[in-house]
Amino acid sequence: MSNEEIIEKINGFIVDEFEVDEEKISPEADLKTTLDLDSLDYVDLVVEIENNFGFKVKPEDFTGIITFDDFYVYIINRVKSNQNA
């Protein structure tokens, strides 16, 4: 799966699950603010990641994720490391 395919898949489930306009999603946008995330939303986000990409996410994994670009890089790196395992 290419990086572009991963990003497209991420944006797809974000639009569907969090009912956000795709136009508001940009690499430099703040993830928490754009999606208006509360603690329950983070649980939903973790479930979506696990369902779409097949790996477990720990809460502390989100500590360094501020922007959508941070989020994309995190997912891409995890997908690539799982492919190489």
N, C-alpha and C. Protein backbone atom coordinates (compact mmCIF):
# COMPACT_ATOMS: atom_id res chain seq x y z
N MET A 1 0.86 -1.18 0.00
CA MET A 1 0.00 0.00 0.00
C MET A 1 0.90 1.24 0.00
N SER A 2 0.65 2.15 -0.93
CA SER A 2 1.47 3.36 -1.02
C SER A 2 1.07 4.38 0.05
N ASN A 3 1.94 5.36 0.28
CA ASN A 3 1.62 6.41 1.25
C ASN A 3 0.33 7.14 0.87
N GLU A 4 0.16 7.40 -0.43
CA GLU A 4 -1.03 8.10 -0.90
C GLU A 4 -2.29 7.27 -0.63
N GLU A 5 -2.19 5.97 -0.83
CA GLU A 5 -3.34 5.09 -0.55
C GLU A 5 -3.67 5.07 0.93
N ILE A 6 -2.64 5.07 1.77
CA ILE A 6 -2.86 5.09 3.23
C ILE A 6 -3.54 6.40 3.63
N ILE A 7 -3.05 7.53 3.11
CA ILE A 7 -3.63 8.83 3.45
C ILE A 7 -5.07 8.91 2.96
N GLU A 8 -5.33 8.41 1.76
CA GLU A 8 -6.70 8.40 1.23
C GLU A 8 -7.62 7.57 2.11
N LYS A 9 -7.14 6.43 2.58
CA LYS A 9 -7.93 5.56 3.45
C LYS A 9 -8.20 6.25 4.80
N ILE A 10 -7.18 6.91 5.36
CA ILE A 10 -7.34 7.64 6.62
C ILE A 10 -8.40 8.73 6.45
N ASN A 11 -8.25 9.54 5.41
CA ASN A 11 -9.21 10.63 5.20
C ASN A 11 -10.62 10.09 4.99
N GLY A 12 -10.74 8.93 4.34
CA GLY A 12 -12.05 8.34 4.11
C GLY A 12 -12.76 7.98 5.39
N PHE A 13 -12.05 7.30 6.32
CA PHE A 13 -12.75 6.93 7.54
C PHE A 13 -12.95 8.12 8.47
N ILE A 14 -12.07 9.13 8.38
CA ILE A 14 -12.28 10.34 9.19
C ILE A 14 -13.53 11.07 8.74
N VAL A 15 -13.70 11.22 7.44
CA VAL A 15 -14.89 11.90 6.91
C VAL A 15 -16.15 11.14 7.31
N ASP A 16 -16.12 9.81 7.19
CA ASP A 16 -17.29 8.99 7.51
C ASP A 16 -17.57 8.96 9.02
N GLU A 17 -16.56 8.71 9.80
CA GLU A 17 -16.75 8.51 11.25
C GLU A 17 -16.95 9.81 12.01
N PHE A 18 -16.23 10.85 11.63
CA PHE A 18 -16.26 12.10 12.40
C PHE A 18 -17.05 13.20 11.70
N GLU A 19 -17.64 12.86 10.57
CA GLU A 19 -18.52 13.77 9.85
C GLU A 19 -17.90 15.15 9.68
N VAL A 20 -16.67 15.16 9.21
CA VAL A 20 -15.97 16.41 8.96
C VAL A 20 -15.83 16.61 7.45
N ASP A 21 -15.91 17.87 7.01
CA ASP A 21 -15.71 18.17 5.60
C ASP A 21 -14.29 17.82 5.21
N GLU A 22 -14.15 17.12 4.10
CA GLU A 22 -12.82 16.74 3.64
C GLU A 22 -11.98 17.98 3.36
N GLU A 23 -12.62 19.09 3.03
CA GLU A 23 -11.88 20.33 2.75
C GLU A 23 -11.15 20.86 3.99
N LYS A 24 -11.63 20.49 5.18
CA LYS A 24 -10.97 20.95 6.42
C LYS A 24 -9.74 20.12 6.77
N ILE A 25 -9.58 18.99 6.09
CA ILE A 25 -8.45 18.11 6.36
C ILE A 25 -7.27 18.53 5.49
N SER A 26 -6.21 18.97 6.14
CA SER A 26 -4.97 19.30 5.44
C SER A 26 -3.81 18.86 6.32
N PRO A 27 -2.65 18.61 5.75
CA PRO A 27 -1.54 18.09 6.55
C PRO A 27 -1.18 18.96 7.75
N GLU A 28 -1.29 20.27 7.61
CA GLU A 28 -0.89 21.16 8.71
C GLU A 28 -2.01 21.45 9.70
N ALA A 29 -3.23 21.00 9.43
CA ALA A 29 -4.36 21.25 10.33
C ALA A 29 -4.19 20.46 11.65
N ASP A 30 -4.68 21.06 12.73
CA ASP A 30 -4.63 20.42 14.05
C ASP A 30 -5.67 19.30 14.09
N LEU A 31 -5.22 18.10 14.39
CA LEU A 31 -6.10 16.92 14.37
C LEU A 31 -7.22 17.05 15.41
N LYS A 32 -6.86 17.36 16.63
CA LYS A 32 -7.83 17.41 17.73
C LYS A 32 -8.87 18.50 17.50
N THR A 33 -8.42 19.67 17.08
CA THR A 33 -9.33 20.79 16.87
C THR A 33 -10.23 20.55 15.66
N THR A 34 -9.65 20.09 14.58
CA THR A 34 -10.43 19.88 13.35
C THR A 34 -11.52 18.84 13.56
N LEU A 35 -11.19 17.77 14.30
CA LEU A 35 -12.17 16.70 14.51
C LEU A 35 -12.98 16.90 15.78
N ASP A 36 -12.63 17.96 16.56
CA ASP A 36 -13.32 18.24 17.81
C ASP A 36 -13.33 16.99 18.70
N LEU A 37 -12.13 16.43 18.91
CA LEU A 37 -11.99 15.15 19.60
C LEU A 37 -12.12 15.30 21.12
N ASP A 38 -12.93 14.45 21.72
CA ASP A 38 -12.92 14.29 23.17
C ASP A 38 -12.40 12.88 23.45
N SER A 39 -12.39 12.48 24.72
CA SER A 39 -11.78 11.20 25.06
C SER A 39 -12.49 10.01 24.39
N LEU A 40 -13.81 10.08 24.27
CA LEU A 40 -14.53 9.00 23.60
C LEU A 40 -14.23 8.96 22.11
N ASP A 41 -14.03 10.13 21.53
CA ASP A 41 -13.68 10.18 20.11
C ASP A 41 -12.32 9.54 19.85
N TYR A 42 -11.40 9.70 20.81
CA TYR A 42 -10.09 9.05 20.66
C TYR A 42 -10.25 7.53 20.63
N VAL A 43 -11.16 7.02 21.43
CA VAL A 43 -11.43 5.58 21.41
C VAL A 43 -11.95 5.17 20.04
N ASP A 44 -12.87 5.95 19.50
CA ASP A 44 -13.39 5.67 18.15
C ASP A 44 -12.26 5.71 17.12
N LEU A 45 -11.38 6.68 17.27
CA LEU A 45 -10.26 6.81 16.33
C LEU A 45 -9.34 5.59 16.40
N VAL A 46 -9.06 5.14 17.62
CA VAL A 46 -8.23 3.94 17.80
C VAL A 46 -8.89 2.72 17.15
N VAL A 47 -10.19 2.57 17.35
CA VAL A 47 -10.92 1.44 16.77
C VAL A 47 -10.86 1.51 15.25
N GLU A 48 -11.04 2.70 14.70
CA GLU A 48 -10.98 2.85 13.23
C GLU A 48 -9.59 2.50 12.70
N ILE A 49 -8.56 2.90 13.41
CA ILE A 49 -7.20 2.58 12.98
C ILE A 49 -7.00 1.07 13.00
N GLU A 50 -7.41 0.44 14.09
CA GLU A 50 -7.24 -1.00 14.21
C GLU A 50 -8.04 -1.75 13.15
N ASN A 51 -9.26 -1.30 12.87
CA ASN A 51 -10.10 -1.96 11.87
C ASN A 51 -9.57 -1.77 10.44
N ASN A 52 -9.01 -0.59 10.18
CA ASN A 52 -8.57 -0.29 8.82
C ASN A 52 -7.15 -0.75 8.52
N PHE A 53 -6.29 -0.81 9.57
CA PHE A 53 -4.88 -1.11 9.31
C PHE A 53 -4.37 -2.33 10.05
N GLY A 54 -5.15 -2.89 10.96
CA GLY A 54 -4.81 -4.16 11.58
C GLY A 54 -3.70 -4.14 12.61
N PHE A 55 -3.46 -3.00 13.27
CA PHE A 55 -2.49 -3.00 14.37
C PHE A 55 -3.09 -2.28 15.56
N LYS A 56 -2.56 -2.62 16.73
CA LYS A 56 -3.03 -2.05 17.99
C LYS A 56 -2.39 -0.68 18.20
N VAL A 57 -3.15 0.22 18.80
CA VAL A 57 -2.68 1.57 19.10
C VAL A 57 -2.73 1.76 20.61
N LYS A 58 -1.62 2.28 21.16
CA LYS A 58 -1.58 2.59 22.59
C LYS A 58 -1.91 4.06 22.78
N PRO A 59 -2.55 4.41 23.88
CA PRO A 59 -2.88 5.82 24.12
C PRO A 59 -1.67 6.73 24.05
N GLU A 60 -0.53 6.27 24.55
CA GLU A 60 0.66 7.12 24.53
C GLU A 60 1.18 7.38 23.13
N ASP A 61 0.74 6.59 22.15
CA ASP A 61 1.14 6.82 20.77
C ASP A 61 0.65 8.18 20.27
N PHE A 62 -0.40 8.72 20.89
CA PHE A 62 -0.98 9.98 20.44
C PHE A 62 -0.27 11.20 21.02
N THR A 63 0.68 11.00 21.94
CA THR A 63 1.29 12.15 22.60
C THR A 63 2.02 13.07 21.64
N GLY A 64 2.62 12.55 20.60
CA GLY A 64 3.36 13.39 19.67
C GLY A 64 2.59 13.77 18.43
N ILE A 65 1.31 13.40 18.38
CA ILE A 65 0.51 13.67 17.19
C ILE A 65 -0.29 14.94 17.39
N ILE A 66 0.07 15.96 16.64
CA ILE A 66 -0.63 17.24 16.73
C ILE A 66 -1.40 17.51 15.44
N THR A 67 -0.73 17.39 14.33
CA THR A 67 -1.34 17.71 13.04
C THR A 67 -1.75 16.44 12.29
N PHE A 68 -2.50 16.64 11.22
CA PHE A 68 -2.85 15.50 10.37
C PHE A 68 -1.58 14.88 9.79
N ASP A 69 -0.59 15.70 9.47
CA ASP A 69 0.65 15.15 8.94
C ASP A 69 1.31 14.23 9.96
N ASP A 70 1.33 14.64 11.23
CA ASP A 70 1.87 13.77 12.29
C ASP A 70 1.11 12.44 12.30
N PHE A 71 -0.20 12.53 12.17
CA PHE A 71 -1.06 11.35 12.19
C PHE A 71 -0.77 10.45 10.99
N TYR A 72 -0.65 11.06 9.82
CA TYR A 72 -0.33 10.28 8.61
C TYR A 72 1.00 9.56 8.77
N VAL A 73 2.01 10.29 9.25
CA VAL A 73 3.36 9.71 9.39
C VAL A 73 3.31 8.55 10.38
N TYR A 74 2.60 8.71 11.48
CA TYR A 74 2.48 7.64 12.47
C TYR A 74 1.87 6.39 11.83
N ILE A 75 0.75 6.56 11.14
CA ILE A 75 0.07 5.40 10.52
C ILE A 75 0.96 4.77 9.45
N ILE A 76 1.55 5.59 8.59
CA ILE A 76 2.40 5.08 7.51
C ILE A 76 3.57 4.28 8.10
N ASN A 77 4.22 4.82 9.12
CA ASN A 77 5.34 4.09 9.73
C ASN A 77 4.91 2.78 10.34
N ARG A 78 3.76 2.76 11.00
CA ARG A 78 3.28 1.51 11.60
C ARG A 78 2.89 0.49 10.53
N VAL A 79 2.24 0.95 9.47
CA VAL A 79 1.87 0.03 8.38
C VAL A 79 3.13 -0.54 7.73
N LYS A 80 4.11 0.32 7.46
CA LYS A 80 5.35 -0.15 6.81
C LYS A 80 6.12 -1.10 7.73
N SER A 81 6.15 -0.83 9.04
CA SER A 81 6.88 -1.73 9.94
C SER A 81 6.17 -3.08 10.05
N ASN A 82 4.84 -3.08 9.96
CA ASN A 82 4.10 -4.35 9.98
C ASN A 82 4.34 -5.14 8.69
N GLN A 83 4.49 -4.43 7.56
CA GLN A 83 4.75 -5.10 6.29
C GLN A 83 6.13 -5.74 6.27
N ASN A 84 7.08 -5.13 6.99
CA ASN A 84 8.45 -5.64 7.02
C ASN A 84 8.67 -6.70 8.09
N ALA A 85 7.69 -6.89 8.97
CA ALA A 85 7.85 -7.86 10.07
C ALA A 85 7.67 -9.28 9.61
